[in-house]
Amino acid sequence: MMKISESTLVHTEVGPKVPTESKDPEATVKKGLSKKAKDNLAGYLFISPWIIGFLGLTMGYCSVWLQVLLITILPQK
């Protein structure tokens, strides 16, 4: 800062701000997911409807088949 007069202070900066190194080790920790984690998450989200549908249909058909089988094997009283 340059002092022009007693009542006026002028601050001049030239160029972009350069971040200074912090002594705090947690200040340099990146927030958020890494690129690999983002890619994995996108893959899981892409395939999840297929997995849910496959498991739902498989379990649905198996449960219906099991009920029919049990009704035919075990006589009702």
C-alpha atoms as a PDB file:
ATOM      1  CA  MET A   1       0.000   0.000   0.000  1.00  0.00           C
ATOM      2  CA  MET A   2       1.122   3.446  -0.801  1.00  0.00           C
ATOM      3  CA  LYS A   3       0.280   6.345   1.356  1.00  0.00           C
ATOM      4  CA  ILE A   4      -0.705   9.353  -0.732  1.00  0.00           C
ATOM      5  CA  SER A   5      -1.999  11.536   2.024  1.00  0.00           C
ATOM      6  CA  GLU A   6      -2.939  11.000   5.617  1.00  0.00           C
ATOM      7  CA  SER A   7      -6.623  10.444   4.823  1.00  0.00           C
ATOM      8  CA  THR A   8      -6.352   8.453   1.565  1.00  0.00           C
ATOM      9  CA  LEU A   9      -4.826   5.010   1.120  1.00  0.00           C
ATOM     10  CA  VAL A  10      -4.440   3.443  -2.316  1.00  0.00           C
ATOM     11  CA  HIS A  11      -3.906  -0.248  -2.810  1.00  0.00           C
ATOM     12  CA  THR A  12      -2.684  -1.428  -6.209  1.00  0.00           C
ATOM     13  CA  GLU A  13      -2.383  -5.015  -7.385  1.00  0.00           C
ATOM     14  CA  VAL A  14      -0.931  -6.126 -10.687  1.00  0.00           C
ATOM     15  CA  GLY A  15      -1.620  -9.548 -12.192  1.00  0.00           C
ATOM     16  CA  PRO A  16      -3.633 -12.490 -10.955  1.00  0.00           C
ATOM     17  CA  LYS A  17      -3.715 -13.486  -7.318  1.00  0.00           C
ATOM     18  CA  VAL A  18      -1.371 -16.335  -6.527  1.00  0.00           C
ATOM     19  CA  PRO A  19      -2.452 -18.529  -3.627  1.00  0.00           C
ATOM     20  CA  THR A  20       0.067 -18.673  -0.845  1.00  0.00           C
ATOM     21  CA  GLU A  21       0.965 -21.894   0.876  1.00  0.00           C
ATOM     22  CA  SER A  22      -0.883 -22.462   4.094  1.00  0.00           C
ATOM     23  CA  LYS A  23       0.679 -23.991   7.165  1.00  0.00           C
ATOM     24  CA  ASP A  24      -2.618 -25.785   7.849  1.00  0.00           C
ATOM     25  CA  PRO A  25      -2.378 -29.342   6.336  1.00  0.00           C
ATOM     26  CA  GLU A  26      -6.175 -29.626   6.042  1.00  0.00           C
ATOM     27  CA  ALA A  27      -6.317 -26.536   3.830  1.00  0.00           C
ATOM     28  CA  THR A  28      -4.839 -28.451   0.873  1.00  0.00           C
ATOM     29  CA  VAL A  29      -7.281 -31.385   1.060  1.00  0.00           C
ATOM     30  CA  LYS A  30      -9.513 -31.570  -2.001  1.00  0.00           C
ATOM     31  CA  LYS A  31     -13.245 -31.711  -1.478  1.00  0.00           C
ATOM     32  CA  GLY A  32     -15.498 -34.034  -3.457  1.00  0.00           C
ATOM     33  CA  LEU A  33     -15.010 -37.259  -5.372  1.00  0.00           C
ATOM     34  CA  SER A  34     -12.025 -38.255  -7.439  1.00  0.00           C
ATOM     35  CA  LYS A  35     -12.373 -38.890 -11.166  1.00  0.00           C
ATOM     36  CA  LYS A  36     -12.243 -42.659 -10.653  1.00  0.00           C
ATOM     37  CA  ALA A  37     -14.976 -42.499  -7.992  1.00  0.00           C
ATOM     38  CA  LYS A  38     -17.150 -40.358 -10.284  1.00  0.00           C
ATOM     39  CA  ASP A  39     -16.677 -42.855 -13.130  1.00  0.00           C
ATOM     40  CA  ASN A  40     -17.570 -45.758 -10.844  1.00  0.00           C
ATOM     41  CA  LEU A  41     -20.667 -43.968  -9.563  1.00  0.00           C
ATOM     42  CA  ALA A  42     -21.804 -43.190 -13.112  1.00  0.00           C
ATOM     43  CA  GLY A  43     -21.375 -46.847 -14.069  1.00  0.00           C
ATOM     44  CA  TYR A  44     -23.361 -48.091 -11.079  1.00  0.00           C
ATOM     45  CA  LEU A  45     -26.136 -45.583 -11.749  1.00  0.00           C
ATOM     46  CA  PHE A  46     -26.217 -46.619 -15.410  1.00  0.00           C
ATOM     47  CA  ILE A  47     -26.541 -50.349 -14.703  1.00  0.00           C
ATOM     48  CA  SER A  48     -28.728 -50.155 -11.567  1.00  0.00           C
ATOM     49  CA  PRO A  49     -32.117 -50.217 -13.411  1.00  0.00           C
ATOM     50  CA  TRP A  50     -31.088 -53.440 -15.172  1.00  0.00           C
ATOM     51  CA  ILE A  51     -29.937 -55.042 -11.920  1.00  0.00           C
ATOM     52  CA  ILE A  52     -33.093 -53.995 -10.061  1.00  0.00           C
ATOM     53  CA  GLY A  53     -35.302 -55.253 -12.889  1.00  0.00           C
ATOM     54  CA  PHE A  54     -33.444 -58.532 -13.204  1.00  0.00           C
ATOM     55  CA  LEU A  55     -33.570 -59.244  -9.494  1.00  0.00           C
ATOM     56  CA  GLY A  56     -37.198 -58.118  -9.216  1.00  0.00           C
ATOM     57  CA  LEU A  57     -38.383 -60.290 -12.085  1.00  0.00           C
ATOM     58  CA  THR A  58     -36.313 -63.249 -10.969  1.00  0.00           C
ATOM     59  CA  MET A  59     -37.561 -63.052  -7.392  1.00  0.00           C
ATOM     60  CA  GLY A  60     -41.113 -62.442  -8.595  1.00  0.00           C
ATOM     61  CA  TYR A  61     -41.190 -65.478 -10.865  1.00  0.00           C
ATOM     62  CA  CYS A  62     -39.435 -67.639  -8.274  1.00  0.00           C
ATOM     63  CA  SER A  63     -41.889 -66.687  -5.558  1.00  0.00           C
ATOM     64  CA  VAL A  64     -44.903 -67.369  -7.809  1.00  0.00           C
ATOM     65  CA  TRP A  65     -43.423 -70.706  -8.904  1.00  0.00           C
ATOM     66  CA  LEU A  66     -42.671 -71.652  -5.290  1.00  0.00           C
ATOM     67  CA  GLN A  67     -46.225 -70.814  -4.197  1.00  0.00           C
ATOM     68  CA  VAL A  68     -47.699 -72.914  -7.004  1.00  0.00           C
ATOM     69  CA  LEU A  69     -45.345 -75.773  -6.184  1.00  0.00           C
ATOM     70  CA  LEU A  70     -46.176 -75.678  -2.482  1.00  0.00           C
ATOM     71  CA  ILE A  71     -49.912 -75.557  -3.167  1.00  0.00           C
ATOM     72  CA  THR A  72     -49.709 -78.642  -5.402  1.00  0.00           C
ATOM     73  CA  ILE A  73     -47.395 -80.593  -3.048  1.00  0.00           C
ATOM     74  CA  LEU A  74     -48.980 -79.707   0.272  1.00  0.00           C
ATOM     75  CA  PRO A  75     -52.691 -80.445   0.404  1.00  0.00           C
ATOM     76  CA  GLN A  76     -54.824 -77.849   2.128  1.00  0.00           C
ATOM     77  CA  LYS A  77     -56.603 -78.973   5.257  1.00  0.00           C
END
